Amino acid sequence: MESVNLTCHPDRTEIVLKGMLDVGETRAAYGRLGEALTRALPLELVTSDLERVDTAGLQLLIVFLRATHERGLSLNWRGVSPALTASAELLGLVEALELPQ
């Protein structure tokens, strides 16, 4: 099961993260997130089915968020999972990830 799935809509690219986003998944996830950036559409990040995220996964999300800003793309969080919120809070990365409050 892929942890990152993309759906291209006419007005946005929807990115769904599910399962685990950990050190074992980051290489494949990096490639899929890069595909989302190349579409140059506003991004919608859905993480409601993300069950586990480790430090490597959080680092990947921060790098992705920075890349969206560098390209002038907007990113909207939708359905932030408790696992993502808990990991980000534990490491003090809620602000860096721009998670909704």
Protein backbone atom coordinates (compact mmCIF):
# COMPACT_ATOMS: atom_id res chain seq x y z
CA MET A 1 0.00 0.00 0.00
CA GLU A 2 1.38 3.39 -0.99
CA SER A 3 1.40 5.97 1.77
CA VAL A 4 0.93 8.87 -0.69
CA ASN A 5 -1.81 8.97 -3.31
CA LEU A 6 -2.42 11.84 -5.71
CA THR A 7 -5.66 12.83 -7.38
CA CYS A 8 -5.55 15.64 -9.92
CA HIS A 9 -8.67 17.80 -10.04
CA PRO A 10 -9.09 20.71 -12.48
CA ASP A 11 -8.52 23.25 -9.69
CA ARG A 12 -6.19 21.42 -7.27
CA THR A 13 -4.05 18.37 -6.58
CA GLU A 14 -5.33 16.28 -3.70
CA ILE A 15 -2.64 14.44 -1.73
CA VAL A 16 -3.88 11.68 0.56
CA LEU A 17 -1.47 10.31 3.17
CA LYS A 18 -2.48 7.04 4.81
CA GLY A 19 -0.99 4.20 6.78
CA MET A 20 2.57 4.96 7.77
CA LEU A 21 4.85 7.79 6.77
CA ASP A 22 8.10 6.64 8.30
CA VAL A 23 11.73 6.26 7.34
CA GLY A 24 10.92 3.19 5.22
CA GLU A 25 8.33 5.10 3.19
CA THR A 26 10.05 8.46 2.73
CA ARG A 27 11.86 7.69 -0.53
CA ALA A 28 8.67 6.67 -2.35
CA ALA A 29 6.69 9.45 -0.67
CA TYR A 30 9.30 12.00 -1.74
CA GLY A 31 8.80 11.04 -5.38
CA ARG A 32 5.01 11.23 -5.18
CA LEU A 33 5.10 14.59 -3.41
CA GLY A 34 7.48 15.85 -6.09
CA GLU A 35 4.90 14.85 -8.72
CA ALA A 36 2.32 16.97 -6.92
CA LEU A 37 4.64 19.99 -7.07
CA THR A 38 5.21 19.65 -10.80
CA ARG A 39 1.48 19.91 -11.47
CA ALA A 40 1.67 23.53 -10.25
CA LEU A 41 -1.88 23.53 -8.89
CA PRO A 42 -3.04 24.47 -5.40
CA LEU A 43 -2.51 21.54 -3.03
CA GLU A 44 -4.89 19.89 -0.61
CA LEU A 45 -3.26 17.58 1.95
CA VAL A 46 -5.52 14.94 3.54
CA THR A 47 -4.04 12.99 6.44
CA SER A 48 -7.09 11.66 8.26
CA ASP A 49 -6.03 8.04 7.56
CA LEU A 50 -2.39 8.51 8.54
CA GLU A 51 -1.81 6.09 11.42
CA ARG A 52 1.88 6.62 12.14
CA VAL A 53 4.46 9.26 11.29
CA ASP A 54 8.03 9.36 12.55
CA THR A 55 10.70 12.06 12.53
CA ALA A 56 11.74 11.26 8.95
CA GLY A 57 8.12 11.61 7.81
CA LEU A 58 7.75 14.95 9.59
CA GLN A 59 11.01 16.18 8.04
CA LEU A 60 9.72 15.19 4.61
CA LEU A 61 6.50 17.13 5.17
CA ILE A 62 8.45 20.22 6.27
CA VAL A 63 10.65 20.05 3.16
CA PHE A 64 7.53 19.61 1.02
CA LEU A 65 5.83 22.58 2.67
CA ARG A 66 8.89 24.76 2.03
CA ALA A 67 8.96 23.64 -1.60
CA THR A 68 5.30 24.66 -2.01
CA HIS A 69 6.12 28.12 -0.70
CA GLU A 70 9.17 28.43 -2.97
CA ARG A 71 6.96 27.64 -5.98
CA GLY A 72 4.25 30.02 -4.86
CA LEU A 73 1.69 27.24 -4.40
CA SER A 74 -1.01 27.24 -1.76
CA LEU A 75 -1.47 24.28 0.55
CA ASN A 76 -4.62 23.49 2.50
CA TRP A 77 -4.66 20.87 5.27
CA ARG A 78 -7.82 18.76 5.45
CA GLY A 79 -8.52 16.01 7.97
CA VAL A 80 -5.33 16.13 10.04
CA SER A 81 -4.85 12.78 11.78
CA PRO A 82 -4.35 12.48 15.53
CA ALA A 83 -1.09 10.60 14.86
CA LEU A 84 0.32 13.49 12.84
CA THR A 85 -0.78 16.05 15.39
CA ALA A 86 0.67 14.05 18.30
CA SER A 87 4.03 13.52 16.58
CA ALA A 88 4.27 17.18 15.55
CA GLU A 89 3.39 18.34 19.07
CA LEU A 90 5.90 15.96 20.65
CA LEU A 91 8.71 17.35 18.50
CA GLY A 92 7.56 20.98 18.56
CA LEU A 93 6.85 21.06 14.82
CA VAL A 94 3.20 22.16 14.73
CA GLU A 95 4.17 25.69 13.68
CA ALA A 96 6.78 24.53 11.16
CA LEU A 97 4.17 22.29 9.53
CA GLU A 98 1.58 25.07 9.65
CA LEU A 99 -0.98 22.62 11.03
CA PRO A 100 -4.44 24.03 11.62
CA GLN A 101 -5.15 24.79 15.26
